[in-house]
Structure formats: structure tokens, C-alpha cells
């Protein structure tokens, strides 16, 4: 199974996919909401507890985390870095292989455009995973699922390349 994580210091999206016979299936998705009034340390602890629960529910083989980007606010970037660190730690704790992709790459892989809006990403993720439009899903969860979809596609592409290379030898 593949776990996509969209880390944040206030909200962290997660999405779990299974690749069965070349078909992607959404298994679980949601948002770990962290109380803004808590200290950063307490929010990071709550994030770790929430992720521990997700890992305990599913046999995660691959964890995909969004690469860090540098915005205009250094304080926000540092907090995001701390949340990413918790995500990486929890993946390692549970023996999951970690992969990282840049947000623009994920958008391009999922929608065809690296400048796609969150609405567009969510729409395409729903279509790719055959999810009902009435199913509750915030942008944090759809971004996490988009990360997992990207990794599944990259994983399949690498497998095809390896098979072609072996065939040519």
C-alpha cells in the first residue's frame, strides 16, 4: 500500500492507495487536524499520534511526502519542515520506504499541468480513483492522494523500464 502525506503544522492530509492488477484503489483518506492554540511541540506530538494510527490501520509499504518548498514566510517554512520531519520519522518507525516529490511535479503528473489549481487536482484525483463527488474530501486529503497516485505511476513506469532493460539484455 502507498501512503501519501501532505504535511502541515495545523492540518496534515493523508491518503492510502492500493495498486491491484494495475488498478489504483483508494483505501482511506482524511485530515489530521492539529489544534492551533497548542504549542508547536504539542501539535507535532499529535501529528505523530495521528500518523501512528494510520500506519497501524494499514500495511504501508511506500510513504510519499511532499518535498519542502520555500515560500515568503520563513517561520511557516520552518514549521512545515518540522511536520515533514515527523512524517519521515513515522514512516521510518513503521518500516516504510520514503519517497518525495515536488508539488509542481505531482500536479503535472496528475493533471498534466504543474500550475493546476487545488480544485483541478481534486477533480482529477476523484476521477482517477473512481470516487463519488459527494464523498467528503478536503484539499489536504486530495493533495495526499495525488502524491500517492504520482508515486504509483512512477513505480509502474520504473517497473516497465526495468522489464524492457532486462528484455534487451
N, C-alpha and C. Protein backbone atom coordinates (compact mmCIF):
# COMPACT_ATOMS: atom_id res chain seq x y z
N UNK A 1 0.84 -1.18 0.00
CA UNK A 1 0.00 0.00 0.00
C UNK A 1 0.88 1.24 0.00
N UNK A 2 0.32 2.30 -0.53
CA UNK A 2 1.02 3.57 -0.65
C UNK A 2 0.30 4.61 0.19
N UNK A 3 1.05 5.30 1.04
CA UNK A 3 0.51 6.38 1.87
C UNK A 3 1.07 7.70 1.37
N UNK A 4 0.19 8.59 0.94
CA UNK A 4 0.59 9.94 0.59
C UNK A 4 0.36 10.85 1.78
N UNK A 5 1.33 11.72 2.06
CA UNK A 5 1.21 12.65 3.19
C UNK A 5 1.44 14.08 2.72
N UNK A 6 0.48 14.94 3.03
CA UNK A 6 0.60 16.37 2.77
C UNK A 6 0.77 17.03 4.13
N UNK A 7 2.03 17.19 4.58
CA UNK A 7 2.27 17.65 5.95
C UNK A 7 1.93 19.12 6.17
N UNK A 8 1.58 19.41 7.40
CA UNK A 8 1.33 20.78 7.81
C UNK A 8 1.38 20.85 9.32
N UNK A 9 1.57 22.06 9.85
CA UNK A 9 1.64 22.21 11.30
C UNK A 9 0.26 22.46 11.91
N UNK A 10 -0.75 22.64 11.06
CA UNK A 10 -2.13 22.81 11.54
C UNK A 10 -3.05 21.73 11.02
N UNK A 11 -2.78 21.27 9.80
CA UNK A 11 -3.58 20.21 9.16
C UNK A 11 -2.63 19.36 8.33
N UNK A 12 -2.77 18.06 8.44
CA UNK A 12 -1.95 17.14 7.65
C UNK A 12 -2.87 16.16 6.94
N UNK A 13 -2.82 16.19 5.63
CA UNK A 13 -3.65 15.28 4.85
C UNK A 13 -2.96 13.95 4.66
N UNK A 14 -3.77 12.89 4.58
CA UNK A 14 -3.22 11.57 4.28
C UNK A 14 -4.15 10.86 3.30
N UNK A 15 -3.56 10.00 2.50
CA UNK A 15 -4.34 9.20 1.55
C UNK A 15 -3.65 7.87 1.34
N UNK A 16 -4.41 6.79 1.45
CA UNK A 16 -3.87 5.45 1.31
C UNK A 16 -4.44 4.83 0.04
N UNK A 17 -3.55 4.32 -0.79
CA UNK A 17 -3.95 3.65 -2.04
C UNK A 17 -3.42 2.24 -2.06
N UNK A 18 -4.12 1.41 -2.82
CA UNK A 18 -3.65 0.06 -3.09
C UNK A 18 -3.60 -0.09 -4.61
N UNK A 19 -2.56 -0.70 -5.10
CA UNK A 19 -2.40 -0.95 -6.53
C UNK A 19 -2.68 -2.43 -6.74
N UNK A 20 -3.84 -2.73 -7.34
CA UNK A 20 -4.25 -4.11 -7.55
C UNK A 20 -4.42 -4.37 -9.04
N UNK A 21 -3.56 -5.24 -9.58
CA UNK A 21 -3.65 -5.57 -11.00
C UNK A 21 -3.59 -4.36 -11.91
N UNK A 22 -2.75 -3.40 -11.55
CA UNK A 22 -2.60 -2.20 -12.36
C UNK A 22 -3.68 -1.16 -12.12
N UNK A 23 -4.63 -1.44 -11.23
CA UNK A 23 -5.70 -0.50 -10.94
C UNK A 23 -5.50 0.11 -9.55
N UNK A 24 -5.61 1.43 -9.49
CA UNK A 24 -5.48 2.14 -8.22
C UNK A 24 -6.81 2.18 -7.49
N UNK A 25 -6.77 1.89 -6.20
CA UNK A 25 -7.98 1.94 -5.38
C UNK A 25 -7.71 2.75 -4.12
N UNK A 26 -8.59 3.70 -3.85
CA UNK A 26 -8.48 4.47 -2.61
C UNK A 26 -8.95 3.58 -1.46
N UNK A 27 -8.11 3.48 -0.44
CA UNK A 27 -8.41 2.65 0.72
C UNK A 27 -8.88 3.52 1.89
N UNK A 28 -8.22 4.67 2.07
CA UNK A 28 -8.52 5.54 3.20
C UNK A 28 -7.96 6.93 2.89
N UNK A 29 -8.59 7.94 3.42
CA UNK A 29 -8.06 9.30 3.30
C UNK A 29 -8.68 10.16 4.40
N UNK A 30 -8.01 11.25 4.71
CA UNK A 30 -8.53 12.15 5.72
C UNK A 30 -7.54 13.22 6.08
N UNK A 31 -7.84 13.90 7.15
CA UNK A 31 -7.00 15.01 7.62
C UNK A 31 -6.79 14.87 9.12
N UNK A 32 -5.57 15.01 9.54
CA UNK A 32 -5.25 15.07 10.96
C UNK A 32 -5.24 16.55 11.31
N UNK A 33 -6.23 16.97 12.07
CA UNK A 33 -6.38 18.39 12.43
C UNK A 33 -5.65 18.62 13.75
N UNK A 34 -4.78 19.63 13.75
CA UNK A 34 -3.95 19.94 14.91
C UNK A 34 -4.42 21.28 15.48
N UNK A 35 -4.70 21.32 16.75
CA UNK A 35 -5.25 22.49 17.41
C UNK A 35 -4.26 23.66 17.34
N UNK A 36 -4.72 24.75 16.71
CA UNK A 36 -3.86 25.93 16.52
C UNK A 36 -3.43 26.58 17.83
N UNK A 37 -4.19 26.37 18.89
CA UNK A 37 -3.86 27.01 20.17
C UNK A 37 -2.75 26.27 20.91
N UNK A 38 -2.44 25.05 20.49
CA UNK A 38 -1.39 24.28 21.14
C UNK A 38 -0.01 24.77 20.69
N UNK A 39 0.97 24.50 21.50
CA UNK A 39 2.36 24.81 21.11
C UNK A 39 2.74 23.95 19.91
N UNK A 40 3.76 24.36 19.20
CA UNK A 40 4.23 23.59 18.06
C UNK A 40 4.62 22.17 18.50
N UNK A 41 5.30 22.05 19.63
CA UNK A 41 5.73 20.73 20.11
C UNK A 41 4.52 19.82 20.34
N UNK A 42 3.47 20.36 20.93
CA UNK A 42 2.29 19.55 21.20
C UNK A 42 1.58 19.16 19.90
N UNK A 43 1.54 20.08 18.92
CA UNK A 43 0.93 19.76 17.61
C UNK A 43 1.73 18.67 16.91
N UNK A 44 3.06 18.74 16.99
CA UNK A 44 3.90 17.71 16.36
C UNK A 44 3.69 16.35 17.02
N UNK A 45 3.52 16.36 18.34
CA UNK A 45 3.23 15.11 19.04
C UNK A 45 1.88 14.55 18.58
N UNK A 46 0.88 15.41 18.46
CA UNK A 46 -0.45 14.97 17.99
C UNK A 46 -0.37 14.44 16.56
N UNK A 47 0.46 15.07 15.74
CA UNK A 47 0.66 14.58 14.37
C UNK A 47 1.25 13.17 14.40
N UNK A 48 2.25 12.97 15.25
CA UNK A 48 2.87 11.64 15.37
C UNK A 48 1.86 10.59 15.81
N UNK A 49 1.02 10.93 16.77
CA UNK A 49 0.00 10.00 17.26
C UNK A 49 -1.00 9.69 16.14
N UNK A 50 -1.42 10.71 15.42
CA UNK A 50 -2.35 10.51 14.31
C UNK A 50 -1.76 9.63 13.22
N UNK A 51 -0.51 9.88 12.88
CA UNK A 51 0.15 9.06 11.86
C UNK A 51 0.35 7.63 12.34
N UNK A 52 0.67 7.47 13.61
CA UNK A 52 0.82 6.14 14.19
C UNK A 52 -0.47 5.34 13.98
N UNK A 53 -1.60 5.99 14.17
CA UNK A 53 -2.90 5.34 13.97
C UNK A 53 -3.10 4.93 12.52
N UNK A 54 -2.74 5.81 11.59
CA UNK A 54 -2.87 5.49 10.16
C UNK A 54 -1.98 4.30 9.80
N UNK A 55 -0.74 4.33 10.25
CA UNK A 55 0.18 3.21 9.97
C UNK A 55 -0.32 1.91 10.61
N UNK A 56 -0.91 1.99 11.79
CA UNK A 56 -1.41 0.79 12.47
C UNK A 56 -2.60 0.18 11.72
N UNK A 57 -3.41 1.01 11.06
CA UNK A 57 -4.60 0.53 10.34
C UNK A 57 -4.26 -0.14 9.01
N UNK A 58 -3.13 0.23 8.43
CA UNK A 58 -2.81 -0.23 7.07
C UNK A 58 -1.38 -0.74 7.01
N UNK A 59 -1.16 -1.68 6.14
CA UNK A 59 0.20 -2.20 5.93
C UNK A 59 0.86 -1.34 4.84
N UNK A 60 1.47 -0.25 5.27
CA UNK A 60 2.05 0.73 4.35
C UNK A 60 3.45 0.27 3.94
N UNK A 61 3.66 0.16 2.63
CA UNK A 61 4.96 -0.23 2.09
C UNK A 61 5.74 1.01 1.64
N UNK A 62 5.04 1.93 0.98
CA UNK A 62 5.66 3.15 0.47
C UNK A 62 4.95 4.36 1.08
N UNK A 63 5.74 5.32 1.57
CA UNK A 63 5.21 6.59 2.07
C UNK A 63 5.74 7.69 1.17
N UNK A 64 4.83 8.56 0.73
CA UNK A 64 5.19 9.64 -0.17
C UNK A 64 4.91 10.96 0.54
N UNK A 65 5.93 11.80 0.61
CA UNK A 65 5.81 13.09 1.30
C UNK A 65 6.16 14.20 0.32
N UNK A 66 5.38 15.27 0.38
CA UNK A 66 5.66 16.41 -0.48
C UNK A 66 7.00 17.03 -0.09
N UNK A 67 7.82 17.33 -1.10
CA UNK A 67 9.10 18.00 -0.84
C UNK A 67 8.83 19.39 -0.31
N UNK A 68 9.76 19.87 0.45
CA UNK A 68 9.61 21.21 1.05
C UNK A 68 9.80 22.27 -0.03
N UNK A 69 9.05 23.33 0.11
CA UNK A 69 9.20 24.48 -0.78
C UNK A 69 9.40 25.70 0.09
N UNK A 70 10.02 26.69 -0.47
CA UNK A 70 10.31 27.90 0.31
C UNK A 70 9.37 29.01 -0.14
N UNK A 71 8.48 29.39 0.76
CA UNK A 71 7.56 30.48 0.48
C UNK A 71 8.15 31.79 0.98
N UNK A 72 7.29 32.75 1.12
CA UNK A 72 7.73 34.08 1.57
C UNK A 72 7.91 34.14 3.08
N UNK A 73 7.25 33.25 3.82
CA UNK A 73 7.26 33.31 5.27
C UNK A 73 8.21 32.23 5.82
N UNK A 74 9.36 32.65 6.33
CA UNK A 74 10.36 31.71 6.84
C UNK A 74 9.83 30.91 8.03
N UNK A 75 9.05 31.55 8.90
CA UNK A 75 8.50 30.86 10.07
C UNK A 75 7.61 29.69 9.64
N UNK A 76 6.76 29.92 8.64
CA UNK A 76 5.88 28.86 8.13
C UNK A 76 6.70 27.73 7.51
N UNK A 77 7.76 28.09 6.80
CA UNK A 77 8.61 27.07 6.17
C UNK A 77 9.28 26.20 7.24
N UNK A 78 9.74 26.82 8.33
CA UNK A 78 10.36 26.04 9.40
C UNK A 78 9.34 25.10 10.06
N UNK A 79 8.13 25.59 10.31
CA UNK A 79 7.10 24.75 10.91
C UNK A 79 6.75 23.59 9.99
N UNK A 80 6.65 23.86 8.68
CA UNK A 80 6.39 22.80 7.70
C UNK A 80 7.52 21.78 7.73
N UNK A 81 8.75 22.25 7.86
CA UNK A 81 9.90 21.35 7.94
C UNK A 81 9.82 20.43 9.15
N UNK A 82 9.36 20.96 10.26
CA UNK A 82 9.19 20.13 11.46
C UNK A 82 8.13 19.06 11.23
N UNK A 83 7.00 19.44 10.60
CA UNK A 83 5.92 18.49 10.33
C UNK A 83 6.41 17.42 9.35
N UNK A 84 7.18 17.81 8.35
CA UNK A 84 7.74 16.84 7.41
C UNK A 84 8.65 15.86 8.16
N UNK A 85 9.43 16.39 9.09
CA UNK A 85 10.33 15.54 9.87
C UNK A 85 9.56 14.48 10.65
N UNK A 86 8.42 14.86 11.22
CA UNK A 86 7.58 13.89 11.94
C UNK A 86 7.07 12.83 10.96
N UNK A 87 6.66 13.25 9.78
CA UNK A 87 6.18 12.29 8.76
C UNK A 87 7.28 11.31 8.37
N UNK A 88 8.48 11.82 8.15
CA UNK A 88 9.61 10.95 7.78
C UNK A 88 9.96 9.99 8.92
N UNK A 89 9.95 10.51 10.14
CA UNK A 89 10.24 9.68 11.31
C UNK A 89 9.22 8.55 11.46
N UNK A 90 7.94 8.87 11.32
CA UNK A 90 6.90 7.86 11.50
C UNK A 90 6.98 6.80 10.39
N UNK A 91 7.30 7.22 9.18
CA UNK A 91 7.47 6.24 8.10
C UNK A 91 8.62 5.29 8.42
N UNK A 92 9.73 5.85 8.87
CA UNK A 92 10.90 5.02 9.23
C UNK A 92 10.56 4.10 10.39
N UNK A 93 9.86 4.62 11.38
CA UNK A 93 9.47 3.82 12.55
C UNK A 93 8.66 2.60 12.14
N UNK A 94 7.84 2.76 11.11
CA UNK A 94 6.96 1.67 10.67
C UNK A 94 7.54 0.88 9.50
N UNK A 95 8.81 1.11 9.18
CA UNK A 95 9.49 0.33 8.15
C UNK A 95 9.03 0.60 6.73
N UNK A 96 8.49 1.78 6.49
CA UNK A 96 8.00 2.15 5.17
C UNK A 96 9.10 2.87 4.38
N UNK A 97 9.18 2.56 3.11
CA UNK A 97 10.15 3.22 2.22
C UNK A 97 9.61 4.62 1.90
N UNK A 98 10.46 5.64 2.01
CA UNK A 98 10.03 7.02 1.82
C UNK A 98 10.43 7.54 0.44
N UNK A 99 9.49 8.25 -0.18
CA UNK A 99 9.70 8.89 -1.48
C UNK A 99 9.21 10.33 -1.37
N UNK A 100 9.85 11.22 -2.10
CA UNK A 100 9.48 12.64 -2.03
C UNK A 100 9.33 13.20 -3.44
N UNK A 101 8.29 14.01 -3.63
CA UNK A 101 8.04 14.65 -4.91
C UNK A 101 7.69 16.12 -4.67
N UNK A 102 8.10 16.96 -5.60
CA UNK A 102 7.77 18.39 -5.55
C UNK A 102 6.31 18.58 -5.94
N UNK A 103 5.67 19.58 -5.35
CA UNK A 103 4.25 19.86 -5.60
C UNK A 103 3.97 20.07 -7.09
N UNK A 104 4.81 20.82 -7.78
CA UNK A 104 4.59 21.07 -9.21
C UNK A 104 4.67 19.78 -10.02
N UNK A 105 5.59 18.88 -9.65
CA UNK A 105 5.71 17.60 -10.34
C UNK A 105 4.44 16.76 -10.14
N UNK A 106 3.93 16.75 -8.92
CA UNK A 106 2.71 16.00 -8.61
C UNK A 106 1.54 16.54 -9.43
N UNK A 107 1.38 17.85 -9.44
CA UNK A 107 0.30 18.46 -10.21
C UNK A 107 0.41 18.11 -11.69
N UNK A 108 1.63 18.17 -12.22
CA UNK A 108 1.85 17.84 -13.63
C UNK A 108 1.55 16.38 -13.91
N UNK A 109 1.98 15.50 -13.01
CA UNK A 109 1.75 14.07 -13.18
C UNK A 109 0.26 13.73 -13.13
N UNK A 110 -0.46 14.38 -12.24
CA UNK A 110 -1.88 14.05 -12.05
C UNK A 110 -2.77 14.75 -13.06
N UNK A 111 -2.51 16.04 -13.33
CA UNK A 111 -3.42 16.82 -14.17
C UNK A 111 -2.86 17.16 -15.55
N UNK A 112 -1.54 17.07 -15.69
CA UNK A 112 -0.92 17.49 -16.95
C UNK A 112 -0.38 18.91 -16.89
N UNK A 113 -0.65 19.62 -15.79
CA UNK A 113 -0.18 20.99 -15.64
C UNK A 113 0.41 21.18 -14.24
N UNK A 114 1.65 21.66 -14.19
CA UNK A 114 2.30 21.93 -12.91
C UNK A 114 1.73 23.13 -12.19
N UNK A 115 0.86 23.88 -12.87
CA UNK A 115 0.25 25.07 -12.26
C UNK A 115 -1.24 24.83 -11.96
N UNK A 116 -1.67 23.58 -11.93
CA UNK A 116 -3.08 23.26 -11.71
C UNK A 116 -3.54 23.75 -10.34
N UNK A 117 -4.81 24.11 -10.28
CA UNK A 117 -5.40 24.55 -9.00
C UNK A 117 -5.71 23.34 -8.13
N UNK A 118 -5.93 23.60 -6.85
CA UNK A 118 -6.31 22.52 -5.91
C UNK A 118 -7.63 21.89 -6.33
N UNK A 119 -8.56 22.71 -6.84
CA UNK A 119 -9.84 22.19 -7.33
C UNK A 119 -9.63 21.19 -8.47
N UNK A 120 -8.75 21.56 -9.40
CA UNK A 120 -8.48 20.69 -10.55
C UNK A 120 -7.82 19.39 -10.11
N UNK A 121 -6.85 19.50 -9.21
CA UNK A 121 -6.17 18.30 -8.69
C UNK A 121 -7.20 17.38 -8.04
N UNK A 122 -8.07 17.94 -7.21
CA UNK A 122 -9.07 17.14 -6.53
C UNK A 122 -10.02 16.47 -7.52
N UNK A 123 -10.44 17.19 -8.54
CA UNK A 123 -11.34 16.65 -9.56
C UNK A 123 -10.70 15.46 -10.28
N UNK A 124 -9.45 15.61 -10.66
CA UNK A 124 -8.76 14.54 -11.38
C UNK A 124 -8.50 13.34 -10.45
N UNK A 125 -8.11 13.60 -9.22
CA UNK A 125 -7.89 12.51 -8.25
C UNK A 125 -9.17 11.70 -8.09
N UNK A 126 -10.31 12.38 -7.94
CA UNK A 126 -11.59 11.69 -7.81
C UNK A 126 -11.85 10.81 -9.03
N UNK A 127 -11.58 11.35 -10.22
CA UNK A 127 -11.83 10.60 -11.45
C UNK A 127 -10.90 9.39 -11.57
N UNK A 128 -9.61 9.60 -11.30
CA UNK A 128 -8.63 8.52 -11.40
C UNK A 128 -8.96 7.38 -10.44
N UNK A 129 -9.44 7.73 -9.25
CA UNK A 129 -9.73 6.73 -8.22
C UNK A 129 -11.19 6.31 -8.19
N UNK A 130 -11.96 6.76 -9.19
CA UNK A 130 -13.40 6.43 -9.29
C UNK A 130 -14.14 6.71 -7.98
N UNK A 131 -13.90 7.89 -7.43
CA UNK A 131 -14.55 8.29 -6.18
C UNK A 131 -15.76 9.16 -6.49
N UNK A 132 -16.81 8.98 -5.70
CA UNK A 132 -18.02 9.78 -5.87
C UNK A 132 -17.73 11.25 -5.52
N UNK A 133 -18.32 12.14 -6.27
CA UNK A 133 -18.10 13.56 -6.00
C UNK A 133 -18.77 13.98 -4.70
N UNK A 134 -19.73 13.20 -4.22
CA UNK A 134 -20.39 13.54 -2.97
C UNK A 134 -19.57 13.14 -1.74
N UNK A 135 -18.55 12.30 -1.95
CA UNK A 135 -17.72 11.85 -0.83
C UNK A 135 -16.91 13.02 -0.28
N UNK A 136 -16.98 13.20 1.03
CA UNK A 136 -16.28 14.30 1.72
C UNK A 136 -14.77 14.18 1.52
N UNK A 137 -14.16 15.26 1.04
CA UNK A 137 -12.71 15.26 0.89
C UNK A 137 -12.21 16.71 0.81
N UNK A 138 -11.34 17.07 1.74
CA UNK A 138 -10.74 18.40 1.70
C UNK A 138 -9.51 18.40 0.81
N UNK A 139 -8.97 19.58 0.58
CA UNK A 139 -7.79 19.70 -0.27
C UNK A 139 -6.57 19.01 0.32
N UNK A 140 -6.46 18.99 1.65
CA UNK A 140 -5.32 18.32 2.27
C UNK A 140 -5.32 16.82 1.92
N UNK A 141 -6.50 16.21 1.98
CA UNK A 141 -6.62 14.78 1.66
C UNK A 141 -6.43 14.53 0.17
N UNK A 142 -7.01 15.38 -0.69
CA UNK A 142 -6.84 15.16 -2.13
C UNK A 142 -5.39 15.39 -2.56
N UNK A 143 -4.70 16.34 -1.92
CA UNK A 143 -3.28 16.53 -2.22
C UNK A 143 -2.47 15.30 -1.80
N UNK A 144 -2.82 14.71 -0.67
CA UNK A 144 -2.14 13.49 -0.21
C UNK A 144 -2.40 12.34 -1.17
N UNK A 145 -3.65 12.19 -1.61
CA UNK A 145 -3.96 11.14 -2.59
C UNK A 145 -3.23 11.38 -3.90
N UNK A 146 -3.10 12.65 -4.30
CA UNK A 146 -2.37 12.98 -5.53
C UNK A 146 -0.90 12.55 -5.42
N UNK A 147 -0.31 12.73 -4.24
CA UNK A 147 1.06 12.27 -4.01
C UNK A 147 1.15 10.75 -4.18
N UNK A 148 0.18 10.03 -3.62
CA UNK A 148 0.17 8.57 -3.72
C UNK A 148 -0.04 8.13 -5.17
N UNK A 149 -0.93 8.79 -5.89
CA UNK A 149 -1.17 8.47 -7.31
C UNK A 149 0.11 8.69 -8.11
N UNK A 150 0.78 9.79 -7.86
CA UNK A 150 2.04 10.09 -8.56
C UNK A 150 3.05 8.98 -8.32
N UNK A 151 3.20 8.57 -7.08
CA UNK A 151 4.18 7.51 -6.80
C UNK A 151 3.78 6.20 -7.46
N UNK A 152 2.51 5.86 -7.45
CA UNK A 152 2.06 4.62 -8.10
C UNK A 152 2.41 4.65 -9.58
N UNK A 153 2.19 5.79 -10.23
CA UNK A 153 2.51 5.91 -11.66
C UNK A 153 4.01 5.84 -11.89
N UNK A 154 4.78 6.51 -11.05
CA UNK A 154 6.24 6.46 -11.18
C UNK A 154 6.75 5.04 -10.94
N UNK A 155 6.19 4.36 -9.96
CA UNK A 155 6.57 2.99 -9.63
C UNK A 155 6.30 2.07 -10.82
N UNK A 156 5.13 2.21 -11.44
CA UNK A 156 4.79 1.41 -12.62
C UNK A 156 5.73 1.72 -13.78
N UNK A 157 6.03 3.01 -14.00
CA UNK A 157 6.94 3.39 -15.08
C UNK A 157 8.32 2.77 -14.88
N UNK A 158 8.83 2.83 -13.65
CA UNK A 158 10.14 2.24 -13.37
C UNK A 158 10.13 0.74 -13.59
N UNK A 159 9.04 0.07 -13.23
CA UNK A 159 8.93 -1.38 -13.44
C UNK A 159 8.95 -1.70 -14.94
N UNK A 160 8.26 -0.89 -15.75
CA UNK A 160 8.25 -1.10 -17.20
C UNK A 160 9.65 -0.91 -17.78
N UNK A 161 10.34 0.11 -17.29
CA UNK A 161 11.70 0.38 -17.78
C UNK A 161 12.63 -0.78 -17.42
N UNK A 162 12.54 -1.26 -16.18
CA UNK A 162 13.38 -2.40 -15.77
C UNK A 162 13.09 -3.63 -16.63
N UNK A 163 11.82 -3.89 -16.88
CA UNK A 163 11.44 -5.06 -17.68
C UNK A 163 11.97 -4.92 -19.11
N UNK A 164 11.89 -3.73 -19.67
CA UNK A 164 12.40 -3.52 -21.03
C UNK A 164 13.90 -3.67 -21.09
N UNK A 165 14.59 -3.18 -20.05
CA UNK A 165 16.05 -3.31 -19.99
C UNK A 165 16.46 -4.77 -19.89
N UNK A 166 15.77 -5.53 -19.05
CA UNK A 166 16.09 -6.95 -18.87
C UNK A 166 15.84 -7.72 -20.16
N UNK A 167 14.79 -7.33 -20.86
CA UNK A 167 14.43 -7.99 -22.11
C UNK A 167 15.48 -7.75 -23.18
N UNK A 168 16.07 -6.55 -23.18
CA UNK A 168 17.05 -6.19 -24.21
C UNK A 168 18.42 -6.79 -23.96
N UNK A 169 18.66 -7.30 -22.76
CA UNK A 169 19.98 -7.88 -22.44
C UNK A 169 20.14 -9.26 -22.95
